[in-house]
N, C-alpha and C. Protein backbone atom coordinates (compact mmCIF):
# COMPACT_ATOMS: atom_id res chain seq x y z
N MET A 1 -23.83 10.32 11.47
CA MET A 1 -22.41 9.93 10.75
C MET A 1 -22.24 8.67 11.53
N ALA A 2 -21.58 7.81 10.30
CA ALA A 2 -21.33 6.61 10.84
C ALA A 2 -19.99 6.33 11.52
N LEU A 3 -20.04 5.57 12.48
CA LEU A 3 -18.56 5.46 13.43
C LEU A 3 -17.91 4.21 12.93
N TRP A 4 -18.02 3.80 11.66
CA TRP A 4 -17.47 2.60 11.11
C TRP A 4 -17.76 2.67 9.74
N ILE A 5 -16.60 1.78 8.92
CA ILE A 5 -16.83 1.96 7.67
C ILE A 5 -16.41 0.43 7.04
N LYS A 6 -16.93 -0.20 6.37
CA LYS A 6 -16.62 -1.49 5.64
C LYS A 6 -16.32 -1.31 4.14
N PHE A 7 -14.97 -1.83 3.82
CA PHE A 7 -14.64 -1.51 2.41
C PHE A 7 -14.56 -2.79 1.93
N ALA A 8 -14.96 -3.29 0.41
CA ALA A 8 -14.84 -4.54 -0.03
C ALA A 8 -13.30 -4.99 -0.25
N GLY A 9 -13.04 -5.87 -0.13
CA GLY A 9 -11.67 -6.47 -0.54
C GLY A 9 -11.49 -6.57 -1.91
N THR A 10 -12.66 -6.53 -2.74
CA THR A 10 -12.09 -6.50 -4.22
C THR A 10 -12.14 -5.11 -4.87
N GLY A 11 -12.55 -4.00 -4.31
CA GLY A 11 -12.20 -2.56 -4.57
C GLY A 11 -13.60 -2.45 -5.23
N GLU A 12 -14.26 -1.36 -4.85
CA GLU A 12 -15.80 -0.79 -5.86
C GLU A 12 -15.45 0.28 -6.64
N GLY A 13 -16.18 0.44 -7.56
CA GLY A 13 -16.39 1.69 -8.39
C GLY A 13 -14.86 1.95 -9.06
N LYS A 14 -14.89 3.06 -9.58
CA LYS A 14 -13.61 3.48 -10.25
C LYS A 14 -12.37 3.59 -9.45
N ALA A 15 -11.30 3.21 -9.74
CA ALA A 15 -10.21 2.97 -9.32
C ALA A 15 -9.31 4.14 -9.73
N GLU A 16 -8.53 4.78 -8.83
CA GLU A 16 -7.54 5.89 -9.41
C GLU A 16 -6.29 5.07 -9.55
N ALA A 17 -5.84 5.61 -10.94
CA ALA A 17 -4.59 4.83 -11.42
C ALA A 17 -3.30 5.43 -11.18
N GLY A 18 -2.30 4.89 -10.87
CA GLY A 18 -0.88 5.25 -10.48
C GLY A 18 0.49 4.40 -10.80
N ALA A 19 1.66 4.73 -10.48
CA ALA A 19 2.69 4.29 -10.74
C ALA A 19 3.63 4.83 -9.84
N PRO A 20 4.75 4.11 -9.42
CA PRO A 20 5.58 4.78 -8.88
C PRO A 20 6.32 6.01 -9.34
N LYS A 21 6.99 7.04 -8.59
CA LYS A 21 7.64 7.95 -9.48
C LYS A 21 8.78 7.52 -10.06
N PRO A 22 8.99 8.17 -11.51
CA PRO A 22 10.15 7.27 -12.37
C PRO A 22 11.26 7.61 -11.71
N GLU A 23 11.66 8.37 -10.86
CA GLU A 23 13.20 8.41 -10.14
C GLU A 23 13.02 7.27 -8.68
N ARG A 24 12.02 6.69 -8.47
CA ARG A 24 12.29 5.63 -7.73
C ARG A 24 11.94 4.31 -8.00
N LEU A 25 11.81 4.05 -9.28
CA LEU A 25 11.59 2.75 -9.98
C LEU A 25 12.91 2.02 -10.23
N GLU A 26 12.81 0.64 -9.48
CA GLU A 26 14.05 0.07 -9.75
C GLU A 26 14.01 -1.17 -10.71
N ALA A 27 12.91 -1.70 -11.01
CA ALA A 27 12.63 -2.90 -11.65
C ALA A 27 11.51 -2.93 -11.93
N GLY A 28 11.11 -3.33 -13.40
CA GLY A 28 9.84 -3.65 -13.94
C GLY A 28 8.86 -2.50 -14.10
N ASN A 29 7.76 -2.70 -14.54
CA ASN A 29 6.86 -1.52 -14.89
C ASN A 29 5.38 -1.79 -14.09
N PRO A 30 5.52 -1.48 -12.81
CA PRO A 30 4.32 -1.63 -11.95
C PRO A 30 3.53 -0.68 -12.16
N THR A 31 2.03 -1.25 -11.91
CA THR A 31 1.40 0.10 -12.22
C THR A 31 0.21 -0.01 -10.71
N PHE A 32 -0.38 0.95 -10.16
CA PHE A 32 -1.21 0.79 -9.13
C PHE A 32 -2.78 1.05 -9.40
N ARG A 33 -3.66 0.59 -8.52
CA ARG A 33 -4.84 0.87 -8.53
C ARG A 33 -5.37 1.25 -7.10
N THR A 34 -6.17 2.30 -6.68
CA THR A 34 -6.64 2.40 -5.47
C THR A 34 -8.08 2.80 -5.34
N TRP A 35 -8.58 2.31 -4.60
CA TRP A 35 -9.72 2.66 -3.96
C TRP A 35 -9.96 3.30 -2.90
N ASN A 36 -9.97 4.42 -2.52
CA ASN A 36 -9.83 5.15 -1.37
C ASN A 36 -11.41 5.17 -0.87
N SER A 37 -11.84 4.40 0.25
CA SER A 37 -13.14 4.39 0.76
C SER A 37 -13.31 5.36 1.81
N TYR A 38 -12.47 5.80 2.30
CA TYR A 38 -12.77 6.61 3.60
C TYR A 38 -11.80 7.70 3.58
N GLU A 39 -12.28 8.85 3.90
CA GLU A 39 -11.60 9.94 4.51
C GLU A 39 -12.03 10.68 5.55
N SER A 40 -11.19 11.01 6.56
CA SER A 40 -11.80 11.81 7.57
C SER A 40 -11.99 13.28 7.62
N ALA A 41 -13.02 13.93 8.36
CA ALA A 41 -13.43 14.89 8.21
C ALA A 41 -12.06 16.07 8.15
N ASP A 42 -11.17 15.70 8.94
CA ASP A 42 -9.81 16.77 8.98
C ASP A 42 -8.81 16.51 7.69
N GLY A 43 -9.16 15.28 6.86
CA GLY A 43 -8.47 15.27 5.85
C GLY A 43 -7.14 14.32 6.07
N LYS A 44 -7.02 13.78 7.30
CA LYS A 44 -5.75 13.38 7.72
C LYS A 44 -5.75 11.88 7.95
N THR A 45 -6.73 11.18 7.71
CA THR A 45 -6.78 9.70 7.81
C THR A 45 -7.41 9.25 6.65
N PHE A 46 -6.91 8.10 5.80
CA PHE A 46 -7.56 7.47 4.60
C PHE A 46 -7.58 6.20 4.77
N GLY A 47 -8.71 5.38 4.19
CA GLY A 47 -8.69 4.02 3.98
C GLY A 47 -9.22 3.38 2.77
N GLY A 48 -8.67 2.28 2.47
CA GLY A 48 -9.30 1.69 1.33
C GLY A 48 -8.54 0.63 0.74
N ILE A 49 -8.57 0.21 -0.72
CA ILE A 49 -7.95 -0.79 -1.02
C ILE A 49 -7.01 -0.41 -2.13
N TRP A 50 -5.75 -0.96 -2.19
CA TRP A 50 -4.61 -0.57 -3.13
C TRP A 50 -4.11 -2.01 -3.72
N GLU A 51 -3.75 -1.83 -4.70
CA GLU A 51 -3.36 -2.73 -5.71
C GLU A 51 -2.30 -2.50 -6.64
N ALA A 52 -0.84 -3.48 -6.64
CA ALA A 52 0.03 -3.17 -7.34
C ALA A 52 0.45 -4.31 -8.24
N THR A 53 0.81 -4.09 -9.62
CA THR A 53 1.56 -5.37 -10.36
C THR A 53 2.83 -5.30 -10.27
N PRO A 54 3.33 -6.32 -10.61
CA PRO A 54 5.29 -6.85 -10.34
C PRO A 54 6.08 -5.65 -10.61
N GLY A 55 7.05 -5.60 -9.70
CA GLY A 55 8.00 -4.37 -9.85
C GLY A 55 8.74 -4.32 -8.68
N ARG A 56 9.37 -3.26 -8.64
CA ARG A 56 10.07 -2.96 -7.34
C ARG A 56 10.47 -1.05 -7.33
N TRP A 57 10.25 -0.70 -6.10
CA TRP A 57 10.52 0.65 -6.34
C TRP A 57 10.65 1.12 -4.87
N ARG A 58 11.37 2.36 -4.61
CA ARG A 58 11.74 2.89 -3.44
C ARG A 58 10.55 3.11 -2.72
N ILE A 59 10.39 3.08 -1.57
CA ILE A 59 9.45 3.84 -0.74
C ILE A 59 9.73 4.77 0.55
N VAL A 60 9.63 5.84 0.69
CA VAL A 60 9.89 6.60 1.79
C VAL A 60 8.49 7.08 2.55
N TYR A 61 8.40 6.81 3.59
CA TYR A 61 7.11 7.17 4.53
C TYR A 61 7.12 8.55 5.18
N GLU A 62 6.61 9.26 4.98
CA GLU A 62 6.31 10.46 5.94
C GLU A 62 5.05 10.40 6.55
N GLU A 63 4.17 9.34 6.25
CA GLU A 63 2.99 9.02 7.00
C GLU A 63 3.07 7.85 7.85
N TRP A 64 1.84 7.34 8.45
CA TRP A 64 1.75 6.40 9.35
C TRP A 64 0.76 5.41 8.23
N GLU A 65 1.16 4.01 8.24
CA GLU A 65 0.36 3.30 7.68
C GLU A 65 0.27 1.76 8.34
N SER A 66 -0.92 1.17 8.44
CA SER A 66 -1.06 -0.11 8.65
C SER A 66 -2.10 -0.75 7.36
N CYS A 67 -1.52 -1.78 7.12
CA CYS A 67 -1.92 -2.49 5.87
C CYS A 67 -2.08 -3.91 6.05
N THR A 68 -2.87 -4.60 5.31
CA THR A 68 -3.15 -6.11 5.54
C THR A 68 -3.25 -6.56 4.09
N VAL A 69 -2.34 -7.57 3.75
CA VAL A 69 -2.31 -8.13 2.41
C VAL A 69 -3.69 -9.02 2.21
N LEU A 70 -4.32 -8.84 0.96
CA LEU A 70 -5.62 -9.63 0.94
C LEU A 70 -5.09 -10.68 -0.26
N GLU A 71 -4.59 -10.38 -1.41
CA GLU A 71 -3.92 -11.26 -2.30
C GLU A 71 -2.47 -11.13 -2.60
N GLY A 72 -1.80 -11.85 -3.09
CA GLY A 72 -0.67 -11.78 -3.82
C GLY A 72 0.66 -11.92 -2.88
N ARG A 73 1.71 -11.47 -3.36
CA ARG A 73 2.97 -11.63 -2.52
C ARG A 73 4.21 -10.38 -2.82
N SER A 74 4.56 -9.86 -1.87
CA SER A 74 5.39 -8.78 -1.99
C SER A 74 6.47 -8.85 -0.92
N ILE A 75 7.57 -8.33 -1.13
CA ILE A 75 8.71 -8.27 -0.20
C ILE A 75 9.21 -6.70 0.00
N VAL A 76 9.12 -6.28 1.47
CA VAL A 76 9.39 -5.06 1.82
C VAL A 76 10.60 -5.16 2.31
N THR A 77 11.72 -4.36 1.81
CA THR A 77 12.96 -4.41 2.36
C THR A 77 13.47 -3.01 2.91
N PRO A 78 13.54 -2.70 4.58
CA PRO A 78 14.25 -1.61 5.01
C PRO A 78 15.67 -1.36 4.67
N ASP A 79 15.94 -0.11 4.42
CA ASP A 79 17.11 0.50 4.36
C ASP A 79 18.20 -0.41 5.26
N ARG A 80 17.72 -0.64 6.57
CA ARG A 80 18.40 -0.91 7.54
C ARG A 80 17.76 -1.99 8.19
N GLY A 81 17.80 -3.20 7.58
CA GLY A 81 17.11 -4.28 8.17
C GLY A 81 16.93 -5.43 7.30
N PRO A 82 16.34 -6.75 7.79
CA PRO A 82 15.95 -7.84 6.71
C PRO A 82 14.78 -7.71 5.79
N ALA A 83 14.69 -8.39 4.78
CA ALA A 83 13.45 -8.18 4.05
C ALA A 83 12.36 -8.83 4.71
N VAL A 84 11.04 -8.57 4.56
CA VAL A 84 10.05 -9.38 5.07
C VAL A 84 9.11 -9.59 3.66
N GLU A 85 8.90 -11.20 3.62
CA GLU A 85 7.91 -11.35 2.65
C GLU A 85 6.52 -11.24 3.22
N LEU A 86 5.91 -10.86 2.30
CA LEU A 86 4.10 -10.67 2.85
C LEU A 86 3.25 -11.36 1.94
N GLY A 87 2.34 -11.92 2.61
CA GLY A 87 1.25 -12.43 1.74
C GLY A 87 -0.04 -12.45 2.26
N PRO A 88 -1.08 -13.20 1.72
CA PRO A 88 -2.36 -13.12 2.17
C PRO A 88 -2.65 -13.24 3.68
N GLY A 89 -3.16 -12.19 4.67
CA GLY A 89 -3.26 -12.59 5.75
C GLY A 89 -2.29 -11.37 6.62
N ASP A 90 -1.20 -11.32 6.10
CA ASP A 90 -0.11 -10.49 6.65
C ASP A 90 -0.44 -9.17 7.07
N THR A 91 0.01 -8.68 8.18
CA THR A 91 -0.53 -7.21 8.33
C THR A 91 0.91 -6.63 8.68
N MET A 92 1.02 -5.38 8.24
CA MET A 92 2.20 -4.62 8.69
C MET A 92 1.92 -3.12 8.94
N VAL A 93 2.78 -2.45 9.90
CA VAL A 93 2.78 -1.01 10.20
C VAL A 93 3.87 -0.44 9.70
N LEU A 94 3.88 0.83 8.91
CA LEU A 94 5.07 1.65 8.47
C LEU A 94 4.96 2.64 9.17
N GLU A 95 5.78 3.19 9.80
CA GLU A 95 5.68 4.38 10.54
C GLU A 95 6.54 5.84 9.85
N PRO A 96 6.33 7.04 9.97
CA PRO A 96 6.99 7.87 9.35
C PRO A 96 8.69 7.68 9.73
N GLY A 97 9.28 7.93 8.61
CA GLY A 97 10.81 7.69 8.56
C GLY A 97 11.13 6.45 7.84
N PHE A 98 10.37 5.56 7.76
CA PHE A 98 10.76 4.52 7.02
C PHE A 98 11.07 4.63 5.68
N ALA A 99 12.09 4.12 5.10
CA ALA A 99 12.78 4.10 3.87
C ALA A 99 13.12 2.43 3.57
N GLY A 100 13.07 2.35 2.14
CA GLY A 100 13.31 0.88 1.53
C GLY A 100 12.74 0.62 0.33
N THR A 101 12.57 -0.53 -0.16
CA THR A 101 12.27 -0.88 -1.12
C THR A 101 10.69 -1.79 -0.97
N TRP A 102 9.89 -1.54 -1.71
CA TRP A 102 8.59 -2.47 -2.25
C TRP A 102 8.82 -3.32 -3.24
N GLU A 103 8.73 -4.48 -3.25
CA GLU A 103 8.64 -5.29 -4.63
C GLU A 103 7.66 -6.30 -4.63
N VAL A 104 6.91 -6.22 -5.32
CA VAL A 104 5.66 -7.00 -5.83
C VAL A 104 6.29 -8.13 -6.75
N LEU A 105 6.12 -9.29 -5.99
CA LEU A 105 6.42 -10.72 -6.54
C LEU A 105 5.16 -11.14 -7.56
N GLU A 106 3.98 -10.91 -7.02
CA GLU A 106 2.80 -11.50 -7.57
C GLU A 106 1.65 -10.26 -7.32
N THR A 107 1.04 -9.95 -8.29
CA THR A 107 0.13 -8.75 -8.18
C THR A 107 -0.65 -8.66 -6.74
N THR A 108 -0.37 -7.64 -5.89
CA THR A 108 -0.48 -7.50 -4.47
C THR A 108 -1.76 -6.58 -4.45
N ARG A 109 -2.90 -6.91 -3.54
CA ARG A 109 -3.68 -6.27 -3.27
C ARG A 109 -3.84 -6.28 -1.38
N LYS A 110 -3.92 -5.06 -1.13
CA LYS A 110 -3.87 -4.71 0.45
C LYS A 110 -5.02 -3.79 0.65
N SER A 111 -5.42 -3.69 1.88
CA SER A 111 -6.52 -2.78 2.60
C SER A 111 -5.53 -2.19 3.49
N TYR A 112 -5.67 -0.53 3.39
CA TYR A 112 -4.86 0.40 4.07
C TYR A 112 -5.43 1.44 4.90
N VAL A 113 -4.90 1.60 5.99
CA VAL A 113 -5.35 2.98 6.64
C VAL A 113 -3.97 3.78 7.00
N ILE A 114 -4.12 5.01 6.54
CA ILE A 114 -2.91 5.90 6.47
C ILE A 114 -3.39 7.22 7.04
N ARG A 115 -2.55 7.38 8.06
CA ARG A 115 -2.83 8.87 9.03
C ARG A 115 -1.71 9.57 8.68
N ILE A 116 -1.78 10.87 8.32
CA ILE A 116 -0.82 11.80 7.77
C ILE A 116 -0.76 13.03 8.95
């Protein structure tokens, strides 16, 4: 069993398509593509590449996530706090209980690790 994994910044293979839940959509018509490259044996940790097209939607985190923006620009705005603009090279950690909005200004691609 490998104790490390490398996932390509461009995404590889077939991506899973998605979009925000209609009740969370605030602006635009964003779509998602996800290349999940890693899942732990216990099914609680995931890693890969995620991409979204422009738009804005509500986010509510029940999981822990660390992500690094690879391409594009987004703004994450917590319900209680200032907006944070993210661009290539920026890393962010979102903890369970985080709520706010995610707005994609330019198609954004990020690497992520999620723990549920």
